[in-house]
């Protein structure tokens, strides 16, 4: 005990700048030198993937991605946006994008531009960006799309008439555009649940920051949300699903395979095998986050042990 106490006393007196330095290195090093770690996929994330995948190749099905955040939450939300867009482009799922925040418009373009780099997709045919719409039109558009999308939205981000675009073939309202994924750092998804889900029965999923997850779990339990991607962890999970299933190269040269829990449990994706760094952003970030959390936990444990040992030593000296 006499040898242990001095060590913890030194730890208690350690300049906090050294602790900040260690935590900083614990974050920076995994970002610069990525390592392979196991990504466990949760059911809410898998449910979003399976629903989108069920629309593959169908001209009468589409999804809507609503961007309800600004640049401050890009680290958590942009990787999941890119992952879902990649999934849609790979599996030939029609996808529409929309935002009601001016700050979200360039983020929407950014995610689209990254995701479509490796795919032969055309604007107006494979995907359509509705662009920014003033927030005052949020409720009219949300409800109006339940009747006629082309009539209520009218034009896309480039000013083209929606009804004239080839992507609108077989797409009229929420009966066909039957999944809305809202990416938000706020309670924006609740409006889709209260109005679009309750009135039209549209499937709603959420892509949210980690701190918002607890607020949304009740909606998962009631079935009002069909799935949810939570923070960087959810983005990492979806990245893995896309790599394991949507972009998987089969022995016969074909691309893609059906979702399977057995395959998912056995799959081990090396980050070095993923072609682009941007497609593994969330998984690299999770590595850094994990190491940093472990270091913080270690410091908390050492600090508490040192505190109680020092307290006990003082009590013994006073006796």
C-alpha atoms as a PDB file:
ATOM      1  CA  UNK A   1       0.000   0.000   0.000  1.00  0.00           C
ATOM      2  CA  UNK A   2       2.850   2.369   0.876  1.00  0.00           C
ATOM      3  CA  UNK A   3       4.274   1.991  -2.639  1.00  0.00           C
ATOM      4  CA  UNK A   4       0.913   2.450  -4.330  1.00  0.00           C
ATOM      5  CA  UNK A   5      -0.143   5.656  -2.558  1.00  0.00           C
ATOM      6  CA  UNK A   6       2.769   7.822  -3.840  1.00  0.00           C
ATOM      7  CA  UNK A   7       1.922   6.803  -7.417  1.00  0.00           C
ATOM      8  CA  UNK A   8      -1.682   7.926  -7.075  1.00  0.00           C
ATOM      9  CA  UNK A   9      -0.616  11.088  -5.271  1.00  0.00           C
ATOM     10  CA  UNK A  10       1.527  11.931  -8.298  1.00  0.00           C
ATOM     11  CA  UNK A  11      -1.433  11.189 -10.564  1.00  0.00           C
ATOM     12  CA  UNK A  12      -3.604  13.533  -8.476  1.00  0.00           C
ATOM     13  CA  UNK A  13      -1.012  16.282  -8.837  1.00  0.00           C
ATOM     14  CA  UNK A  14      -0.481  15.692 -12.560  1.00  0.00           C
ATOM     15  CA  UNK A  15      -0.784  18.843 -14.654  1.00  0.00           C
ATOM     16  CA  UNK A  16      -4.139  18.619 -16.420  1.00  0.00           C
ATOM     17  CA  UNK A  17      -2.505  19.745 -19.669  1.00  0.00           C
ATOM     18  CA  UNK A  18      -0.825  16.342 -19.911  1.00  0.00           C
ATOM     19  CA  UNK A  19      -4.225  14.675 -19.588  1.00  0.00           C
ATOM     20  CA  UNK A  20      -5.603  16.866 -22.397  1.00  0.00           C
ATOM     21  CA  UNK A  21      -2.560  15.962 -24.499  1.00  0.00           C
ATOM     22  CA  UNK A  22      -3.086  12.217 -23.989  1.00  0.00           C
ATOM     23  CA  UNK A  23      -6.789  12.488 -24.882  1.00  0.00           C
ATOM     24  CA  UNK A  24      -5.943  14.570 -27.958  1.00  0.00           C
ATOM     25  CA  UNK A  25      -3.438  11.957 -29.132  1.00  0.00           C
ATOM     26  CA  UNK A  26      -5.996   9.208 -28.458  1.00  0.00           C
ATOM     27  CA  UNK A  27      -8.290  10.949 -30.940  1.00  0.00           C
ATOM     28  CA  UNK A  28      -5.759  12.073 -33.555  1.00  0.00           C
ATOM     29  CA  UNK A  29      -3.708   8.872 -33.914  1.00  0.00           C
ATOM     30  CA  UNK A  30      -6.668   6.562 -34.786  1.00  0.00           C
ATOM     31  CA  UNK A  31      -7.836   9.148 -37.328  1.00  0.00           C
ATOM     32  CA  UNK A  32      -4.415   9.246 -39.005  1.00  0.00           C
ATOM     33  CA  UNK A  33      -3.705   5.508 -38.651  1.00  0.00           C
ATOM     34  CA  UNK A  34      -7.063   3.684 -38.956  1.00  0.00           C
ATOM     35  CA  UNK A  35      -7.309   0.220 -37.462  1.00  0.00           C
ATOM     36  CA  UNK A  36      -9.837  -2.532 -38.032  1.00  0.00           C
ATOM     37  CA  UNK A  37     -12.471  -2.996 -35.364  1.00  0.00           C
ATOM     38  CA  UNK A  38     -15.727  -4.915 -35.190  1.00  0.00           C
ATOM     39  CA  UNK A  39     -18.855  -2.906 -36.001  1.00  0.00           C
ATOM     40  CA  UNK A  40     -21.988  -4.429 -34.497  1.00  0.00           C
ATOM     41  CA  UNK A  41     -25.176  -3.536 -36.377  1.00  0.00           C
ATOM     42  CA  UNK A  42     -28.238  -2.767 -34.270  1.00  0.00           C
ATOM     43  CA  UNK A  43     -31.800  -3.620 -35.282  1.00  0.00           C
ATOM     44  CA  UNK A  44     -33.020  -0.001 -35.822  1.00  0.00           C
ATOM     45  CA  UNK A  45     -30.245   0.574 -38.371  1.00  0.00           C
ATOM     46  CA  UNK A  46     -30.797  -2.796 -40.054  1.00  0.00           C
ATOM     47  CA  UNK A  47     -34.527  -2.060 -40.387  1.00  0.00           C
ATOM     48  CA  UNK A  48     -33.815   1.130 -42.350  1.00  0.00           C
ATOM     49  CA  UNK A  49     -31.445  -0.768 -44.627  1.00  0.00           C
ATOM     50  CA  UNK A  50     -33.900  -3.607 -45.251  1.00  0.00           C
ATOM     51  CA  UNK A  51     -36.769  -1.260 -46.108  1.00  0.00           C
ATOM     52  CA  UNK A  52     -34.705   0.744 -48.581  1.00  0.00           C
ATOM     53  CA  UNK A  53     -33.346  -2.450 -50.097  1.00  0.00           C
ATOM     54  CA  UNK A  54     -36.888  -3.771 -50.596  1.00  0.00           C
ATOM     55  CA  UNK A  55     -37.438  -0.905 -53.080  1.00  0.00           C
ATOM     56  CA  UNK A  56     -34.489  -1.964 -55.258  1.00  0.00           C
ATOM     57  CA  UNK A  57     -35.201  -1.797 -58.985  1.00  0.00           C
ATOM     58  CA  UNK A  58     -38.843  -0.767 -58.542  1.00  0.00           C
ATOM     59  CA  UNK A  59     -40.093   2.185 -60.597  1.00  0.00           C
ATOM     60  CA  UNK A  60     -43.130   2.545 -58.315  1.00  0.00           C
ATOM     61  CA  UNK A  61     -41.154   3.024 -55.116  1.00  0.00           C
ATOM     62  CA  UNK A  62     -38.947   5.875 -53.880  1.00  0.00           C
ATOM     63  CA  UNK A  63     -37.578   7.378 -50.682  1.00  0.00           C
ATOM     64  CA  UNK A  64     -37.326  10.973 -49.493  1.00  0.00           C
ATOM     65  CA  UNK A  65     -34.293  12.227 -47.566  1.00  0.00           C
ATOM     66  CA  UNK A  66     -35.018  15.354 -45.537  1.00  0.00           C
ATOM     67  CA  UNK A  67     -31.977  17.384 -44.434  1.00  0.00           C
ATOM     68  CA  UNK A  68     -32.797  19.242 -41.210  1.00  0.00           C
ATOM     69  CA  UNK A  69     -29.388  20.257 -39.858  1.00  0.00           C
ATOM     70  CA  UNK A  70     -26.501  22.641 -40.385  1.00  0.00           C
ATOM     71  CA  UNK A  71     -22.726  22.232 -40.590  1.00  0.00           C
ATOM     72  CA  UNK A  72     -22.287  21.900 -36.816  1.00  0.00           C
ATOM     73  CA  UNK A  73     -23.558  18.297 -36.935  1.00  0.00           C
ATOM     74  CA  UNK A  74     -21.952  17.191 -40.201  1.00  0.00           C
ATOM     75  CA  UNK A  75     -19.515  14.875 -38.416  1.00  0.00           C
ATOM     76  CA  UNK A  76     -22.363  12.635 -37.252  1.00  0.00           C
ATOM     77  CA  UNK A  77     -24.988  13.065 -39.973  1.00  0.00           C
ATOM     78  CA  UNK A  78     -23.123  13.457 -43.286  1.00  0.00           C
ATOM     79  CA  UNK A  79     -21.563   9.943 -43.189  1.00  0.00           C
ATOM     80  CA  UNK A  80     -25.012   8.348 -42.776  1.00  0.00           C
ATOM     81  CA  UNK A  81     -26.438  10.518 -45.568  1.00  0.00           C
ATOM     82  CA  UNK A  82     -23.666   9.450 -47.931  1.00  0.00           C
ATOM     83  CA  UNK A  83     -24.064   5.792 -46.923  1.00  0.00           C
ATOM     84  CA  UNK A  84     -27.811   5.786 -47.627  1.00  0.00           C
ATOM     85  CA  UNK A  85     -27.343   7.593 -50.944  1.00  0.00           C
ATOM     86  CA  UNK A  86     -24.684   5.050 -51.963  1.00  0.00           C
ATOM     87  CA  UNK A  87     -27.114   2.273 -51.085  1.00  0.00           C
ATOM     88  CA  UNK A  88     -29.833   3.847 -53.230  1.00  0.00           C
ATOM     89  CA  UNK A  89     -27.535   4.438 -56.213  1.00  0.00           C
ATOM     90  CA  UNK A  90     -26.085   0.929 -56.027  1.00  0.00           C
ATOM     91  CA  UNK A  91     -29.465  -0.786 -55.757  1.00  0.00           C
ATOM     92  CA  UNK A  92     -31.327   1.469 -58.248  1.00  0.00           C
ATOM     93  CA  UNK A  93     -33.675   2.981 -55.692  1.00  0.00           C
ATOM     94  CA  UNK A  94     -35.254   6.294 -56.653  1.00  0.00           C
ATOM     95  CA  UNK A  95     -34.291   8.946 -54.123  1.00  0.00           C
ATOM     96  CA  UNK A  96     -35.508  12.496 -53.552  1.00  0.00           C
ATOM     97  CA  UNK A  97     -33.831  15.099 -51.318  1.00  0.00           C
ATOM     98  CA  UNK A  98     -35.358  18.138 -49.648  1.00  0.00           C
ATOM     99  CA  UNK A  99     -34.531  20.726 -46.999  1.00  0.00           C
ATOM    100  CA  UNK A 100     -36.294  23.596 -45.235  1.00  0.00           C
ATOM    101  CA  UNK A 101     -33.155  25.193 -43.788  1.00  0.00           C
ATOM    102  CA  UNK A 102     -30.962  27.483 -45.946  1.00  0.00           C
ATOM    103  CA  UNK A 103     -27.849  26.119 -44.206  1.00  0.00           C
ATOM    104  CA  UNK A 104     -28.803  22.552 -45.149  1.00  0.00           C
ATOM    105  CA  UNK A 105     -28.908  23.175 -48.897  1.00  0.00           C
ATOM    106  CA  UNK A 106     -25.118  23.051 -49.514  1.00  0.00           C
ATOM    107  CA  UNK A 107     -24.853  20.015 -47.209  1.00  0.00           C
ATOM    108  CA  UNK A 108     -27.442  18.245 -49.332  1.00  0.00           C
ATOM    109  CA  UNK A 109     -25.453  19.025 -52.498  1.00  0.00           C
ATOM    110  CA  UNK A 110     -22.251  17.928 -50.771  1.00  0.00           C
ATOM    111  CA  UNK A 111     -23.657  14.519 -49.801  1.00  0.00           C
ATOM    112  CA  UNK A 112     -25.103  13.968 -53.293  1.00  0.00           C
ATOM    113  CA  UNK A 113     -21.853  14.913 -55.024  1.00  0.00           C
ATOM    114  CA  UNK A 114     -19.801  12.545 -52.870  1.00  0.00           C
ATOM    115  CA  UNK A 115     -22.193   9.611 -53.182  1.00  0.00           C
ATOM    116  CA  UNK A 116     -22.656   9.775 -56.946  1.00  0.00           C
ATOM    117  CA  UNK A 117     -18.932   9.911 -57.813  1.00  0.00           C
ATOM    118  CA  UNK A 118     -18.681   6.151 -58.341  1.00  0.00           C
ATOM    119  CA  UNK A 119     -22.101   5.623 -59.903  1.00  0.00           C
ATOM    120  CA  UNK A 120     -23.590   6.276 -63.317  1.00  0.00           C
ATOM    121  CA  UNK A 121     -26.647   8.128 -62.069  1.00  0.00           C
ATOM    122  CA  UNK A 122     -28.458  11.058 -63.616  1.00  0.00           C
ATOM    123  CA  UNK A 123     -30.240  13.950 -61.972  1.00  0.00           C
ATOM    124  CA  UNK A 124     -33.952  13.813 -62.761  1.00  0.00           C
ATOM    125  CA  UNK A 125     -33.815  10.128 -63.671  1.00  0.00           C
ATOM    126  CA  UNK A 126     -32.205   8.257 -60.778  1.00  0.00           C
ATOM    127  CA  UNK A 127     -32.451  10.981 -58.161  1.00  0.00           C
ATOM    128  CA  UNK A 128     -34.033  14.391 -57.755  1.00  0.00           C
ATOM    129  CA  UNK A 129     -33.029  17.242 -55.506  1.00  0.00           C
ATOM    130  CA  UNK A 130     -36.086  19.325 -54.601  1.00  0.00           C
ATOM    131  CA  UNK A 131     -33.691  21.847 -53.082  1.00  0.00           C
ATOM    132  CA  UNK A 132     -34.388  24.403 -50.373  1.00  0.00           C
ATOM    133  CA  UNK A 133     -37.976  25.365 -49.620  1.00  0.00           C
ATOM    134  CA  UNK A 134     -38.848  28.137 -47.113  1.00  0.00           C
ATOM    135  CA  UNK A 135     -39.807  26.819 -43.694  1.00  0.00           C
ATOM    136  CA  UNK A 136     -43.171  28.537 -43.967  1.00  0.00           C
ATOM    137  CA  UNK A 137     -44.037  25.941 -46.611  1.00  0.00           C
ATOM    138  CA  UNK A 138     -42.977  23.005 -44.450  1.00  0.00           C
ATOM    139  CA  UNK A 139     -46.440  21.904 -43.363  1.00  0.00           C
ATOM    140  CA  UNK A 140     -48.175  22.597 -46.713  1.00  0.00           C
ATOM    141  CA  UNK A 141     -45.509  20.590 -48.559  1.00  0.00           C
ATOM    142  CA  UNK A 142     -45.453  17.802 -45.970  1.00  0.00           C
ATOM    143  CA  UNK A 143     -49.218  17.371 -46.217  1.00  0.00           C
ATOM    144  CA  UNK A 144     -49.464  18.177 -49.926  1.00  0.00           C
ATOM    145  CA  UNK A 145     -47.082  15.385 -50.900  1.00  0.00           C
ATOM    146  CA  UNK A 146     -49.660  12.994 -49.504  1.00  0.00           C
ATOM    147  CA  UNK A 147     -51.920  13.951 -52.431  1.00  0.00           C
ATOM    148  CA  UNK A 148     -49.650  14.955 -55.324  1.00  0.00           C
ATOM    149  CA  UNK A 149     -45.887  15.514 -55.054  1.00  0.00           C
ATOM    150  CA  UNK A 150     -45.490  17.221 -58.443  1.00  0.00           C
ATOM    151  CA  UNK A 151     -48.317  19.657 -57.744  1.00  0.00           C
ATOM    152  CA  UNK A 152     -47.164  20.815 -54.308  1.00  0.00           C
ATOM    153  CA  UNK A 153     -43.383  20.886 -54.926  1.00  0.00           C
ATOM    154  CA  UNK A 154     -43.668  22.055 -58.554  1.00  0.00           C
ATOM    155  CA  UNK A 155     -39.956  22.654 -59.293  1.00  0.00           C
ATOM    156  CA  UNK A 156     -36.644  21.088 -58.282  1.00  0.00           C
ATOM    157  CA  UNK A 157     -33.396  22.777 -57.228  1.00  0.00           C
ATOM    158  CA  UNK A 158     -32.584  23.587 -60.862  1.00  0.00           C
ATOM    159  CA  UNK A 159     -35.961  25.119 -61.563  1.00  0.00           C
ATOM    160  CA  UNK A 160     -37.208  22.219 -63.682  1.00  0.00           C
ATOM    161  CA  UNK A 161     -40.876  21.301 -63.510  1.00  0.00           C
ATOM    162  CA  UNK A 162     -41.179  18.182 -61.375  1.00  0.00           C
ATOM    163  CA  UNK A 163     -43.988  16.649 -63.409  1.00  0.00           C
ATOM    164  CA  UNK A 164     -41.760  16.603 -66.531  1.00  0.00           C
ATOM    165  CA  UNK A 165     -38.907  14.629 -64.952  1.00  0.00           C
ATOM    166  CA  UNK A 166     -38.538  10.921 -65.866  1.00  0.00           C
ATOM    167  CA  UNK A 167     -38.005  10.003 -62.190  1.00  0.00           C
ATOM    168  CA  UNK A 168     -41.646  10.908 -61.521  1.00  0.00           C
ATOM    169  CA  UNK A 169     -42.870   8.003 -63.670  1.00  0.00           C
ATOM    170  CA  UNK A 170     -45.062   5.849 -61.394  1.00  0.00           C
ATOM    171  CA  UNK A 171     -44.418   8.243 -58.454  1.00  0.00           C
ATOM    172  CA  UNK A 172     -47.428  10.293 -57.338  1.00  0.00           C
ATOM    173  CA  UNK A 173     -47.561  10.631 -53.538  1.00  0.00           C
ATOM    174  CA  UNK A 174     -46.692   8.865 -50.297  1.00  0.00           C
ATOM    175  CA  UNK A 175     -48.177   5.640 -51.651  1.00  0.00           C
ATOM    176  CA  UNK A 176     -45.066   5.345 -53.818  1.00  0.00           C
ATOM    177  CA  UNK A 177     -42.592   7.590 -51.983  1.00  0.00           C
ATOM    178  CA  UNK A 178     -43.281   5.475 -48.936  1.00  0.00           C
ATOM    179  CA  UNK A 179     -40.222   6.137 -46.768  1.00  0.00           C
ATOM    180  CA  UNK A 180     -39.036   9.443 -45.341  1.00  0.00           C
ATOM    181  CA  UNK A 181     -35.653   9.573 -43.600  1.00  0.00           C
ATOM    182  CA  UNK A 182     -35.168  12.804 -41.679  1.00  0.00           C
ATOM    183  CA  UNK A 183     -31.593  13.761 -40.779  1.00  0.00           C
ATOM    184  CA  UNK A 184     -31.765  16.097 -37.824  1.00  0.00           C
ATOM    185  CA  UNK A 185     -30.078  17.408 -34.714  1.00  0.00           C
ATOM    186  CA  UNK A 186     -33.445  18.526 -33.374  1.00  0.00           C
ATOM    187  CA  UNK A 187     -37.034  17.328 -33.033  1.00  0.00           C
ATOM    188  CA  UNK A 188     -37.808  17.865 -36.740  1.00  0.00           C
ATOM    189  CA  UNK A 189     -38.636  14.183 -37.232  1.00  0.00           C
ATOM    190  CA  UNK A 190     -41.649  14.535 -34.915  1.00  0.00           C
ATOM    191  CA  UNK A 191     -43.522  16.544 -37.554  1.00  0.00           C
ATOM    192  CA  UNK A 192     -43.135  13.720 -40.063  1.00  0.00           C
ATOM    193  CA  UNK A 193     -44.471  11.301 -37.456  1.00  0.00           C
ATOM    194  CA  UNK A 194     -47.404  13.503 -36.380  1.00  0.00           C
ATOM    195  CA  UNK A 195     -48.564  14.539 -39.850  1.00  0.00           C
ATOM    196  CA  UNK A 196     -47.158  12.312 -42.615  1.00  0.00           C
ATOM    197  CA  UNK A 197     -47.188   9.084 -40.584  1.00  0.00           C
ATOM    198  CA  UNK A 198     -50.495   9.650 -38.783  1.00  0.00           C
ATOM    199  CA  UNK A 199     -52.448  10.977 -41.746  1.00  0.00           C
ATOM    200  CA  UNK A 200     -50.992   9.079 -44.704  1.00  0.00           C
ATOM    201  CA  UNK A 201     -49.348   6.071 -43.100  1.00  0.00           C
ATOM    202  CA  UNK A 202     -45.965   6.845 -44.645  1.00  0.00           C
ATOM    203  CA  UNK A 203     -42.976   5.023 -43.163  1.00  0.00           C
ATOM    204  CA  UNK A 204     -40.694   7.389 -41.244  1.00  0.00           C
ATOM    205  CA  UNK A 205     -37.089   6.788 -40.157  1.00  0.00           C
ATOM    206  CA  UNK A 206     -34.673   9.060 -38.337  1.00  0.00           C
ATOM    207  CA  UNK A 207     -31.010   9.850 -38.803  1.00  0.00           C
ATOM    208  CA  UNK A 208     -30.126  11.783 -35.671  1.00  0.00           C
ATOM    209  CA  UNK A 209     -27.260  12.902 -33.483  1.00  0.00           C
ATOM    210  CA  UNK A 210     -26.389  10.616 -30.581  1.00  0.00           C
ATOM    211  CA  UNK A 211     -27.776  12.984 -27.941  1.00  0.00           C
ATOM    212  CA  UNK A 212     -31.216  12.821 -29.585  1.00  0.00           C
ATOM    213  CA  UNK A 213     -31.401   9.012 -29.535  1.00  0.00           C
ATOM    214  CA  UNK A 214     -33.038   8.669 -26.109  1.00  0.00           C
ATOM    215  CA  UNK A 215     -35.839  11.053 -27.120  1.00  0.00           C
ATOM    216  CA  UNK A 216     -36.655   8.941 -30.178  1.00  0.00           C
ATOM    217  CA  UNK A 217     -36.587   5.418 -28.755  1.00  0.00           C
ATOM    218  CA  UNK A 218     -40.251   5.590 -27.639  1.00  0.00           C
ATOM    219  CA  UNK A 219     -41.257   6.144 -31.266  1.00  0.00           C
ATOM    220  CA  UNK A 220     -39.283   3.061 -32.248  1.00  0.00           C
ATOM    221  CA  UNK A 221     -41.044   1.016 -29.594  1.00  0.00           C
ATOM    222  CA  UNK A 222     -44.492   2.125 -30.787  1.00  0.00           C
ATOM    223  CA  UNK A 223     -43.649   1.514 -34.452  1.00  0.00           C
ATOM    224  CA  UNK A 224     -44.066   5.177 -35.404  1.00  0.00           C
ATOM    225  CA  UNK A 225     -40.438   5.081 -36.509  1.00  0.00           C
ATOM    226  CA  UNK A 226     -39.555   2.092 -38.691  1.00  0.00           C
ATOM    227  CA  UNK A 227     -35.855   2.523 -37.933  1.00  0.00           C
ATOM    228  CA  UNK A 228     -33.196   4.909 -36.702  1.00  0.00           C
ATOM    229  CA  UNK A 229     -29.538   5.717 -37.276  1.00  0.00           C
ATOM    230  CA  UNK A 230     -28.107   7.142 -34.079  1.00  0.00           C
ATOM    231  CA  UNK A 231     -25.022   9.334 -34.285  1.00  0.00           C
ATOM    232  CA  UNK A 232     -21.665   8.240 -35.625  1.00  0.00           C
ATOM    233  CA  UNK A 233     -22.368   4.680 -34.448  1.00  0.00           C
ATOM    234  CA  UNK A 234     -25.468   4.456 -36.654  1.00  0.00           C
ATOM    235  CA  UNK A 235     -23.534   5.860 -39.601  1.00  0.00           C
ATOM    236  CA  UNK A 236     -20.762   3.280 -39.080  1.00  0.00           C
ATOM    237  CA  UNK A 237     -23.344   0.500 -38.964  1.00  0.00           C
ATOM    238  CA  UNK A 238     -24.927   1.605 -42.242  1.00  0.00           C
ATOM    239  CA  UNK A 239     -21.523   1.919 -43.906  1.00  0.00           C
ATOM    240  CA  UNK A 240     -20.876  -1.697 -42.978  1.00  0.00           C
ATOM    241  CA  UNK A 241     -24.271  -2.860 -44.287  1.00  0.00           C
ATOM    242  CA  UNK A 242     -23.604  -1.194 -47.640  1.00  0.00           C
ATOM    243  CA  UNK A 243     -20.172  -2.840 -47.890  1.00  0.00           C
ATOM    244  CA  UNK A 244     -21.342  -6.278 -46.753  1.00  0.00           C
ATOM    245  CA  UNK A 245     -24.476  -6.468 -48.908  1.00  0.00           C
ATOM    246  CA  UNK A 246     -25.120  -3.679 -51.443  1.00  0.00           C
ATOM    247  CA  UNK A 247     -21.601  -3.387 -52.921  1.00  0.00           C
ATOM    248  CA  UNK A 248     -20.478  -6.967 -52.288  1.00  0.00           C
ATOM    249  CA  UNK A 249     -18.787  -8.589 -55.303  1.00  0.00           C
ATOM    250  CA  UNK A 250     -20.044 -12.118 -55.915  1.00  0.00           C
ATOM    251  CA  UNK A 251     -17.885 -14.882 -57.461  1.00  0.00           C
ATOM    252  CA  UNK A 252     -19.911 -14.701 -60.699  1.00  0.00           C
ATOM    253  CA  UNK A 253     -19.094 -11.014 -61.115  1.00  0.00           C
ATOM    254  CA  UNK A 254     -22.466  -9.657 -60.029  1.00  0.00           C
ATOM    255  CA  UNK A 255     -22.777  -6.997 -57.345  1.00  0.00           C
ATOM    256  CA  UNK A 256     -25.006  -7.166 -54.274  1.00  0.00           C
ATOM    257  CA  UNK A 257     -26.662  -9.805 -52.125  1.00  0.00           C
ATOM    258  CA  UNK A 258     -29.682 -10.042 -49.860  1.00  0.00           C
ATOM    259  CA  UNK A 259     -29.583  -9.086 -46.199  1.00  0.00           C
ATOM    260  CA  UNK A 260     -28.777 -11.970 -43.882  1.00  0.00           C
ATOM    261  CA  UNK A 261     -28.094 -11.956 -40.140  1.00  0.00           C
ATOM    262  CA  UNK A 262     -25.827 -14.980 -40.514  1.00  0.00           C
ATOM    263  CA  UNK A 263     -23.689 -13.300 -43.168  1.00  0.00           C
ATOM    264  CA  UNK A 264     -23.597 -10.095 -41.151  1.00  0.00           C
ATOM    265  CA  UNK A 265     -22.348 -11.864 -38.018  1.00  0.00           C
ATOM    266  CA  UNK A 266     -19.596 -13.619 -39.955  1.00  0.00           C
ATOM    267  CA  UNK A 267     -18.509 -10.624 -42.026  1.00  0.00           C
ATOM    268  CA  UNK A 268     -15.314  -8.804 -41.195  1.00  0.00           C
ATOM    269  CA  UNK A 269     -14.688  -5.733 -43.315  1.00  0.00           C
ATOM    270  CA  UNK A 270     -11.138  -4.408 -43.257  1.00  0.00           C
ATOM    271  CA  UNK A 271     -11.012  -0.638 -43.605  1.00  0.00           C
ATOM    272  CA  UNK A 272      -8.077  -1.078 -45.975  1.00  0.00           C
ATOM    273  CA  UNK A 273     -10.407  -2.967 -48.334  1.00  0.00           C
ATOM    274  CA  UNK A 274     -12.840  -0.057 -48.618  1.00  0.00           C
ATOM    275  CA  UNK A 275     -11.919   1.922 -51.733  1.00  0.00           C
ATOM    276  CA  UNK A 276     -12.455   5.478 -50.568  1.00  0.00           C
ATOM    277  CA  UNK A 277     -11.623   7.055 -47.233  1.00  0.00           C
ATOM    278  CA  UNK A 278     -14.857   9.034 -47.324  1.00  0.00           C
ATOM    279  CA  UNK A 279     -16.830   5.760 -47.404  1.00  0.00           C
ATOM    280  CA  UNK A 280     -15.377   4.683 -44.071  1.00  0.00           C
ATOM    281  CA  UNK A 281     -15.499   8.067 -42.360  1.00  0.00           C
ATOM    282  CA  UNK A 282     -17.883   6.935 -39.623  1.00  0.00           C
ATOM    283  CA  UNK A 283     -15.982   3.733 -38.866  1.00  0.00           C
ATOM    284  CA  UNK A 284     -12.680   5.600 -38.601  1.00  0.00           C
ATOM    285  CA  UNK A 285     -14.382   8.166 -36.394  1.00  0.00           C
ATOM    286  CA  UNK A 286     -15.801   5.427 -34.178  1.00  0.00           C
ATOM    287  CA  UNK A 287     -12.293   4.023 -33.672  1.00  0.00           C
ATOM    288  CA  UNK A 288     -11.075   7.418 -32.464  1.00  0.00           C
ATOM    289  CA  UNK A 289     -14.156   7.876 -30.307  1.00  0.00           C
ATOM    290  CA  UNK A 290     -13.707   4.452 -28.722  1.00  0.00           C
ATOM    291  CA  UNK A 291     -10.039   5.001 -27.847  1.00  0.00           C
ATOM    292  CA  UNK A 292     -10.803   8.452 -26.431  1.00  0.00           C
ATOM    293  CA  UNK A 293     -13.628   7.081 -24.300  1.00  0.00           C
ATOM    294  CA  UNK A 294     -11.398   4.320 -22.940  1.00  0.00           C
ATOM    295  CA  UNK A 295      -8.716   6.851 -22.024  1.00  0.00           C
ATOM    296  CA  UNK A 296     -11.248   9.068 -20.254  1.00  0.00           C
ATOM    297  CA  UNK A 297     -12.606   6.078 -18.311  1.00  0.00           C
ATOM    298  CA  UNK A 298      -9.060   5.135 -17.273  1.00  0.00           C
ATOM    299  CA  UNK A 299      -8.429   8.677 -16.010  1.00  0.00           C
ATOM    300  CA  UNK A 300     -11.733   8.670 -14.096  1.00  0.00           C
ATOM    301  CA  UNK A 301     -10.878   5.355 -12.412  1.00  0.00           C
ATOM    302  CA  UNK A 302      -7.349   6.470 -11.543  1.00  0.00           C
ATOM    303  CA  UNK A 303      -8.655   9.782 -10.231  1.00  0.00           C
ATOM    304  CA  UNK A 304     -11.237   8.141  -7.981  1.00  0.00           C
ATOM    305  CA  UNK A 305      -8.765   5.579  -6.622  1.00  0.00           C
ATOM    306  CA  UNK A 306      -6.270   8.345  -5.926  1.00  0.00           C
ATOM    307  CA  UNK A 307      -8.905  10.456  -4.181  1.00  0.00           C
ATOM    308  CA  UNK A 308      -9.998   7.708  -1.781  1.00  0.00           C
ATOM    309  CA  UNK A 309      -6.436   6.565  -1.053  1.00  0.00           C
ATOM    310  CA  UNK A 310      -5.403  10.136  -0.267  1.00  0.00           C
ATOM    311  CA  UNK A 311      -8.468  10.568   1.944  1.00  0.00           C
ATOM    312  CA  UNK A 312      -7.687   7.351   3.794  1.00  0.00           C
ATOM    313  CA  UNK A 313      -4.051   8.380   4.283  1.00  0.00           C
ATOM    314  CA  UNK A 314      -5.095  11.722   5.761  1.00  0.00           C
ATOM    315  CA  UNK A 315      -7.499   9.979   8.145  1.00  0.00           C
ATOM    316  CA  UNK A 316      -4.718   7.654   9.313  1.00  0.00           C
ATOM    317  CA  UNK A 317      -2.346  10.575   9.875  1.00  0.00           C
ATOM    318  CA  UNK A 318      -4.946  12.346  12.019  1.00  0.00           C
ATOM    319  CA  UNK A 319      -5.455   9.317  14.290  1.00  0.00           C
END
